[in-house]
């Protein structure tokens, strides 16, 4: 990780830098996080590191190791189940509201998000794929017209980013995800709230079961 720029509060900068490292897999599950080492690497004092680690613990991204500091929290089937159960509710509601909204840029914003996803598919870059996936769903949240949705789901989406990155790095199939995204976008653009909600929930349900199945396969091959 590079030294910080000083444009935000130090705690926010440390937090954001650690979130990026956690969600990209640069700090994989189980990695010990030592305050002194992080402070030296980021060229800050221990105080903002300690505060940032407290925020990450609140969001379930790190867990305490007694007196030895923290470590990156595991990504396992239970986490996927819990996170994606919440995601079903958020995504279904957002899709229904977006279909019912009169946002003037609804279709153009969704088509732009789909185009971004197709570019990411062509590149095959995991970070681009995760960023495009998150951008697609955040576009729907914005189009829902409910300003509380992004904030209420923020901690859930941090975990989703971690899970997505870990899954895509295993070579999991990527094309069906964007086929499903396109169907959701079509329903929203058609103003069909019932179908948009159904497809969004189905998409999240499929993702949950695929992720858990992939984890079981990985565990089987490593044992």
Protein backbone atom coordinates (compact mmCIF):
# COMPACT_ATOMS: atom_id res chain seq x y z
CA UNK A 1 0.00 0.00 0.00
CA UNK A 2 1.17 3.53 -0.81
CA UNK A 3 1.52 6.37 1.73
CA UNK A 4 -1.60 8.50 2.24
CA UNK A 5 -2.35 11.76 0.44
CA UNK A 6 -3.82 13.86 3.28
CA UNK A 7 -6.95 14.93 1.36
CA UNK A 8 -9.33 13.34 3.92
CA UNK A 9 -9.08 12.82 7.66
CA UNK A 10 -6.33 10.34 8.43
CA UNK A 11 -8.82 7.88 9.91
CA UNK A 12 -10.96 7.99 6.76
CA UNK A 13 -7.93 7.57 4.53
CA UNK A 14 -6.63 4.62 6.51
CA UNK A 15 -10.09 3.07 6.55
CA UNK A 16 -10.57 3.50 2.79
CA UNK A 17 -7.12 2.11 2.01
CA UNK A 18 -7.70 -0.94 4.20
CA UNK A 19 -11.17 -1.51 2.71
CA UNK A 20 -9.64 -1.53 -0.78
CA UNK A 21 -6.97 -4.00 0.33
CA UNK A 22 -9.53 -6.24 2.05
CA UNK A 23 -12.00 -6.20 -0.84
CA UNK A 24 -9.34 -6.76 -3.51
CA UNK A 25 -7.82 -9.76 -1.77
CA UNK A 26 -4.53 -7.95 -1.15
CA UNK A 27 -5.22 -8.70 2.53
CA UNK A 28 -6.81 -12.18 2.37
CA UNK A 29 -8.92 -13.72 5.17
CA UNK A 30 -6.88 -14.63 8.24
CA UNK A 31 -4.13 -12.05 7.62
CA UNK A 32 -2.89 -10.53 10.92
CA UNK A 33 -3.19 -6.74 11.06
CA UNK A 34 -0.61 -5.12 13.33
CA UNK A 35 -1.16 -1.49 14.24
CA UNK A 36 2.55 -0.67 14.25
CA UNK A 37 3.21 -2.25 10.85
CA UNK A 38 0.20 -0.59 9.24
CA UNK A 39 1.09 2.80 10.72
CA UNK A 40 4.63 2.51 9.36
CA UNK A 41 3.47 1.34 5.92
CA UNK A 42 0.92 4.17 5.60
CA UNK A 43 3.20 6.76 7.22
CA UNK A 44 0.76 7.74 9.98
CA UNK A 45 0.59 7.46 13.75
CA UNK A 46 -1.05 4.48 15.45
CA UNK A 47 -4.17 6.44 16.48
CA UNK A 48 -5.89 6.69 13.05
CA UNK A 49 -4.99 3.04 12.39
CA UNK A 50 -6.62 1.99 15.66
CA UNK A 51 -9.74 4.05 14.85
CA UNK A 52 -9.94 2.64 11.32
CA UNK A 53 -9.61 -0.93 12.61
CA UNK A 54 -12.47 -0.22 15.02
CA UNK A 55 -14.67 0.84 12.08
CA UNK A 56 -13.69 -2.27 10.14
CA UNK A 57 -14.53 -4.44 13.13
CA UNK A 58 -17.95 -2.77 13.37
CA UNK A 59 -18.59 -3.71 9.73
CA UNK A 60 -17.45 -7.30 10.26
CA UNK A 61 -14.39 -7.04 8.03
CA UNK A 62 -11.83 -7.74 10.76
CA UNK A 63 -11.94 -9.59 14.06
CA UNK A 64 -9.86 -9.27 17.25
CA UNK A 65 -6.96 -11.61 18.03
CA UNK A 66 -6.86 -10.95 21.77
CA UNK A 67 -3.87 -8.79 22.64
CA UNK A 68 -2.25 -9.46 19.28
CA UNK A 69 -4.43 -6.99 17.41
CA UNK A 70 -6.78 -7.92 14.58
CA UNK A 71 -6.97 -10.27 11.64
CA UNK A 72 -9.00 -10.21 8.43
CA UNK A 73 -12.35 -11.90 9.03
CA UNK A 74 -13.07 -15.17 7.19
CA UNK A 75 -15.15 -15.46 4.05
CA UNK A 76 -17.21 -18.62 4.48
CA UNK A 77 -20.58 -20.10 3.59
CA UNK A 78 -22.26 -18.65 6.69
CA UNK A 79 -21.10 -15.14 5.78
CA UNK A 80 -22.34 -15.55 2.20
CA UNK A 81 -25.71 -16.83 3.40
CA UNK A 82 -26.23 -13.97 5.86
CA UNK A 83 -25.00 -11.23 3.53
CA UNK A 84 -26.92 -12.43 0.49
CA UNK A 85 -30.14 -12.89 2.47
CA UNK A 86 -29.95 -9.16 3.22
CA UNK A 87 -28.93 -8.38 -0.33
CA UNK A 88 -32.07 -10.09 -1.68
CA UNK A 89 -34.21 -7.67 0.29
CA UNK A 90 -32.21 -4.58 -0.71
CA UNK A 91 -31.87 -5.49 -4.39
CA UNK A 92 -35.50 -6.54 -4.80
CA UNK A 93 -36.77 -3.31 -3.28
CA UNK A 94 -34.34 -1.16 -5.27
CA UNK A 95 -35.31 -2.81 -8.57
CA UNK A 96 -39.03 -2.38 -7.92
CA UNK A 97 -38.64 1.29 -6.97
CA UNK A 98 -36.34 1.98 -9.92
CA UNK A 99 -38.94 0.52 -12.30
CA UNK A 100 -41.58 2.76 -10.75
CA UNK A 101 -39.44 5.88 -10.82
CA UNK A 102 -39.51 8.65 -13.39
CA UNK A 103 -35.77 9.30 -13.39
CA UNK A 104 -34.97 10.93 -16.75
CA UNK A 105 -31.65 9.09 -17.08
CA UNK A 106 -33.01 5.68 -16.08
CA UNK A 107 -32.42 3.91 -19.38
CA UNK A 108 -29.18 5.69 -20.29
CA UNK A 109 -27.66 5.05 -16.85
CA UNK A 110 -28.54 1.36 -16.90
CA UNK A 111 -27.31 0.88 -20.47
CA UNK A 112 -24.04 2.61 -19.54
CA UNK A 113 -23.65 0.26 -16.57
CA UNK A 114 -24.27 -2.77 -18.82
CA UNK A 115 -21.69 -1.46 -21.30
CA UNK A 116 -19.18 -1.07 -18.47
CA UNK A 117 -19.86 -4.68 -17.48
CA UNK A 118 -19.35 -5.97 -21.01
CA UNK A 119 -16.03 -4.12 -21.23
CA UNK A 120 -14.98 -5.69 -17.93
CA UNK A 121 -15.97 -9.13 -19.24
CA UNK A 122 -13.81 -8.58 -22.31
CA UNK A 123 -10.83 -7.52 -20.23
CA UNK A 124 -11.18 -10.42 -17.81
CA UNK A 125 -9.76 -8.23 -15.05
CA UNK A 126 -11.18 -9.23 -11.66
CA UNK A 127 -11.00 -5.73 -10.16
CA UNK A 128 -12.82 -4.27 -13.19
CA UNK A 129 -15.49 -6.97 -13.01
CA UNK A 130 -16.15 -6.32 -9.33
CA UNK A 131 -16.23 -2.55 -9.87
CA UNK A 132 -18.65 -2.91 -12.80
CA UNK A 133 -20.92 -5.27 -10.85
CA UNK A 134 -21.07 -2.94 -7.86
CA UNK A 135 -21.64 0.06 -10.17
CA UNK A 136 -24.59 -1.67 -11.87
CA UNK A 137 -26.37 -2.35 -8.60
CA UNK A 138 -25.54 1.06 -7.12
CA UNK A 139 -27.06 2.62 -10.25
CA UNK A 140 -30.30 0.78 -9.51
CA UNK A 141 -30.16 1.93 -5.88
CA UNK A 142 -29.76 5.53 -7.04
CA UNK A 143 -32.59 5.21 -9.54
CA UNK A 144 -34.85 3.85 -6.80
CA UNK A 145 -35.20 7.40 -5.50
CA UNK A 146 -34.75 6.22 -1.91
CA UNK A 147 -31.63 8.00 -0.57
CA UNK A 148 -31.46 5.69 2.47
CA UNK A 149 -30.87 2.53 0.44
CA UNK A 150 -27.16 3.09 -0.35
CA UNK A 151 -26.38 4.09 3.24
CA UNK A 152 -28.42 1.28 4.80
CA UNK A 153 -26.74 -1.33 2.61
CA UNK A 154 -23.17 0.05 2.75
CA UNK A 155 -21.76 -2.52 5.21
CA UNK A 156 -23.43 -5.35 3.30
CA UNK A 157 -21.85 -4.18 0.06
CA UNK A 158 -18.39 -4.11 1.61
CA UNK A 159 -18.81 -7.81 2.35
CA UNK A 160 -20.26 -8.46 -1.11
CA UNK A 161 -17.18 -6.89 -2.72
CA UNK A 162 -14.94 -9.24 -0.72
CA UNK A 163 -17.01 -12.27 -1.66
CA UNK A 164 -17.21 -11.30 -5.36
CA UNK A 165 -13.47 -10.83 -5.64
CA UNK A 166 -12.67 -14.13 -3.95
CA UNK A 167 -15.16 -15.97 -6.17
CA UNK A 168 -14.03 -14.44 -9.47
CA UNK A 169 -10.41 -15.24 -8.71
CA UNK A 170 -11.33 -18.95 -8.63
CA UNK A 171 -12.36 -18.70 -12.31
CA UNK A 172 -16.10 -18.83 -11.61
CA UNK A 173 -18.34 -18.39 -14.67
CA UNK A 174 -18.88 -14.69 -15.36
CA UNK A 175 -21.20 -14.46 -18.38
CA UNK A 176 -24.51 -15.52 -16.70
CA UNK A 177 -24.15 -12.67 -14.20
CA UNK A 178 -24.31 -10.03 -16.92
CA UNK A 179 -27.05 -11.83 -18.82
CA UNK A 180 -29.11 -11.61 -15.62
CA UNK A 181 -28.13 -7.97 -15.16
CA UNK A 182 -29.38 -7.16 -18.64
CA UNK A 183 -32.74 -8.83 -17.95
CA UNK A 184 -33.12 -6.80 -14.74
CA UNK A 185 -32.27 -3.60 -16.62
CA UNK A 186 -34.82 -4.43 -19.34
CA UNK A 187 -37.57 -4.93 -16.76
CA UNK A 188 -36.72 -1.66 -15.01
CA UNK A 189 -36.66 0.27 -18.29
CA UNK A 190 -40.03 -1.27 -19.20
CA UNK A 191 -41.47 0.00 -15.90
CA UNK A 192 -42.34 -3.54 -14.80
CA UNK A 193 -41.77 -3.38 -11.04
CA UNK A 194 -43.00 -6.91 -10.30
CA UNK A 195 -40.71 -8.50 -12.88
CA UNK A 196 -37.75 -6.32 -11.94
CA UNK A 197 -38.10 -7.27 -8.29
CA UNK A 198 -38.51 -10.97 -9.11
CA UNK A 199 -35.45 -11.00 -11.38
CA UNK A 200 -33.32 -9.08 -8.87
CA UNK A 201 -34.20 -11.51 -6.08
CA UNK A 202 -33.64 -14.49 -8.37
CA UNK A 203 -30.26 -13.07 -9.43
CA UNK A 204 -29.12 -12.71 -5.82
CA UNK A 205 -30.51 -16.14 -4.91
CA UNK A 206 -28.59 -17.73 -7.81
CA UNK A 207 -25.41 -15.92 -6.80
CA UNK A 208 -25.72 -17.06 -3.20
CA UNK A 209 -26.08 -20.73 -4.11
CA UNK A 210 -23.33 -20.57 -6.73
CA UNK A 211 -20.93 -18.98 -4.25
CA UNK A 212 -21.66 -21.54 -1.54
CA UNK A 213 -21.31 -24.39 -4.04
CA UNK A 214 -17.97 -23.03 -5.25
CA UNK A 215 -16.75 -22.78 -1.66
CA UNK A 216 -17.67 -26.41 -1.02
CA UNK A 217 -15.87 -27.48 -4.20
CA UNK A 218 -12.76 -25.50 -3.20
CA UNK A 219 -12.78 -27.01 0.30
CA UNK A 220 -13.16 -30.49 -1.21
CA UNK A 221 -10.16 -30.01 -3.52
CA UNK A 222 -7.95 -28.56 -0.77
CA UNK A 223 -8.71 -31.28 1.80
